[in-house]
Protein backbone atom coordinates (compact mmCIF):
# COMPACT_ATOMS: atom_id res chain seq x y z
CA MET A 1 3.80 -4.20 31.24
CA ASP A 2 4.39 -2.39 34.49
CA ILE A 3 2.17 0.43 35.74
CA VAL A 4 4.55 3.24 34.73
CA LYS A 5 4.83 1.99 31.13
CA ALA A 6 1.05 1.54 30.95
CA LYS A 7 0.52 5.16 32.03
CA VAL A 8 3.03 6.42 29.45
CA VAL A 9 1.32 4.42 26.69
CA ASP A 10 -2.12 5.67 27.76
CA ALA A 11 -0.91 9.27 27.78
CA ALA A 12 0.64 8.89 24.33
CA LEU A 13 -2.55 7.38 22.93
CA LYS A 14 -4.63 10.22 24.39
CA ARG A 15 -2.38 12.75 22.67
CA GLY A 16 -2.63 10.80 19.42
CA ARG A 17 1.04 9.96 19.31
CA PRO A 18 2.54 6.71 18.00
CA VAL A 19 3.33 4.18 20.71
CA GLY A 20 6.71 2.51 20.79
CA PRO A 21 10.09 3.47 19.44
CA ALA A 22 10.33 4.88 15.94
CA LYS A 23 12.35 2.59 13.70
CA LYS A 24 12.87 4.82 10.70
CA ARG A 25 12.43 8.46 9.83
CA ILE A 26 11.02 9.62 6.50
CA ASN A 27 11.17 13.35 5.91
CA ALA A 28 8.60 14.94 3.67
CA ARG A 29 8.02 18.52 2.66
CA PHE A 30 4.52 19.77 1.95
CA PRO A 31 3.25 22.88 0.24
CA GLU A 32 2.07 25.34 2.88
CA SER A 33 -1.60 25.00 1.92
CA LEU A 34 -1.45 21.20 2.21
CA ALA A 35 0.43 21.37 5.52
CA GLU A 36 -2.28 23.64 6.90
CA ARG A 37 -5.02 21.24 5.73
CA ILE A 38 -3.18 18.29 7.33
CA GLU A 39 -2.79 20.18 10.62
CA TYR A 40 -6.47 21.17 10.57
CA ALA A 41 -7.63 17.61 9.80
CA ALA A 42 -5.39 16.19 12.55
CA ALA A 43 -6.83 18.70 15.00
CA LEU A 44 -10.38 17.73 14.01
CA ARG A 45 -9.54 14.11 14.85
CA GLY A 46 -7.71 15.08 18.03
CA LEU A 47 -4.46 13.54 16.77
CA ALA A 48 -0.90 14.69 16.58
CA VAL A 49 0.08 15.59 13.01
CA ALA A 50 2.62 12.73 12.89
CA SER A 51 -0.04 10.19 13.94
CA PHE A 52 -2.52 11.57 11.44
CA ILE A 53 0.04 11.34 8.62
CA GLN A 54 1.06 7.81 9.68
CA GLU A 55 -2.54 6.61 9.63
CA ALA A 56 -3.28 8.20 6.25
CA VAL A 57 -0.09 6.94 4.63
CA ALA A 58 -0.49 3.45 6.09
CA ALA A 59 -4.04 3.19 4.73
CA ARG A 60 -2.95 4.38 1.28
CA ALA A 61 0.05 2.03 1.26
CA GLU A 62 -2.20 -0.94 2.07
CA GLN A 63 -4.59 0.08 -0.71
CA VAL A 64 -1.78 0.31 -3.28
CA ILE A 65 -0.31 -3.04 -2.20
CA GLU A 66 -3.74 -4.69 -2.40
CA ASP A 67 -4.44 -3.15 -5.81
CA GLU A 68 -1.15 -4.40 -7.18
CA ALA A 69 -1.61 -7.90 -5.75
CA ARG A 70 -4.64 -8.74 -7.90
CA TRP A 71 -5.71 -8.48 -11.49
CA ARG A 72 -9.03 -6.81 -12.15
CA LEU A 73 -10.79 -7.99 -15.29
CA THR A 74 -14.12 -7.22 -16.87
CA ARG A 75 -16.45 -10.17 -17.37
CA GLU A 76 -15.53 -10.26 -21.04
CA GLN A 77 -11.80 -10.25 -20.25
CA ALA A 78 -12.24 -13.00 -17.66
CA ALA A 79 -14.22 -15.10 -20.15
CA ALA A 80 -11.47 -14.65 -22.75
CA VAL A 81 -8.81 -15.79 -20.26
CA VAL A 82 -10.89 -18.84 -19.31
CA ALA A 83 -11.36 -19.69 -23.01
CA MET A 84 -7.62 -19.40 -23.67
CA ILE A 85 -6.84 -21.65 -20.71
CA ALA A 86 -9.44 -24.20 -21.82
CA ARG A 87 -8.19 -24.22 -25.43
CA PRO A 88 -4.61 -22.98 -25.53
CA PRO A 89 -3.13 -22.32 -28.98
CA LYS A 90 -0.45 -24.67 -30.23
CA ALA A 91 3.06 -23.34 -29.79
CA ASN A 92 4.75 -22.22 -33.01
CA LYS A 93 8.27 -20.85 -33.58
CA LYS A 94 7.25 -17.21 -33.12
CA MET A 95 5.46 -17.99 -29.86
CA LEU A 96 8.43 -19.92 -28.46
CA LYS A 97 10.81 -17.12 -29.43
CA ALA A 98 8.53 -14.51 -27.85
CA ALA A 99 8.23 -16.54 -24.64
CA LYS A 100 12.01 -16.89 -24.43
CA LEU A 101 12.52 -13.14 -24.93
CA ALA A 102 9.79 -12.28 -22.42
CA SER A 103 11.30 -14.55 -19.77
CA HIS A 104 14.29 -12.20 -19.58
CA HIS A 105 12.09 -9.19 -18.79
CA VAL A 106 9.29 -10.57 -16.63
CA VAL A 107 9.43 -10.50 -12.84
CA ILE A 108 7.01 -12.81 -11.07
CA ARG A 109 5.86 -11.56 -7.65
CA ASP A 110 4.67 -13.80 -4.88
C-alpha cells in the first residue's frame, strides 16, 4: 500500500468510517427515537453512524448464524437422544411412511 492510500485509510479509521469500497447498499428506515439513540451511541463511541450500525448488525448477524448452526439441548434431552441412538426402535410401516413424507419437506444445512 502506498503512502497516500495508507493516509486515506488512517483518516477513515479515525473518523470511524468503513474502509474499502462498499459492495452493496441496504436502506433502512428507523423511528425517530431509535435514530436519535443510534446517533447518540455512535457519538459516544466516536464512530460514524454507518460504522456503528455496521458493527452492531454484523455482531447480531454472527450471533443469529451461530445460534442456528447448533442444537441446544437440556441434559435430559441430550440423554434421550443418546438413548435413542444407542437403541433405535425397529422400523415399522408407519415410521417408513413418515420418513418418506418428511424427506420431501426437510432441508439439511451444512
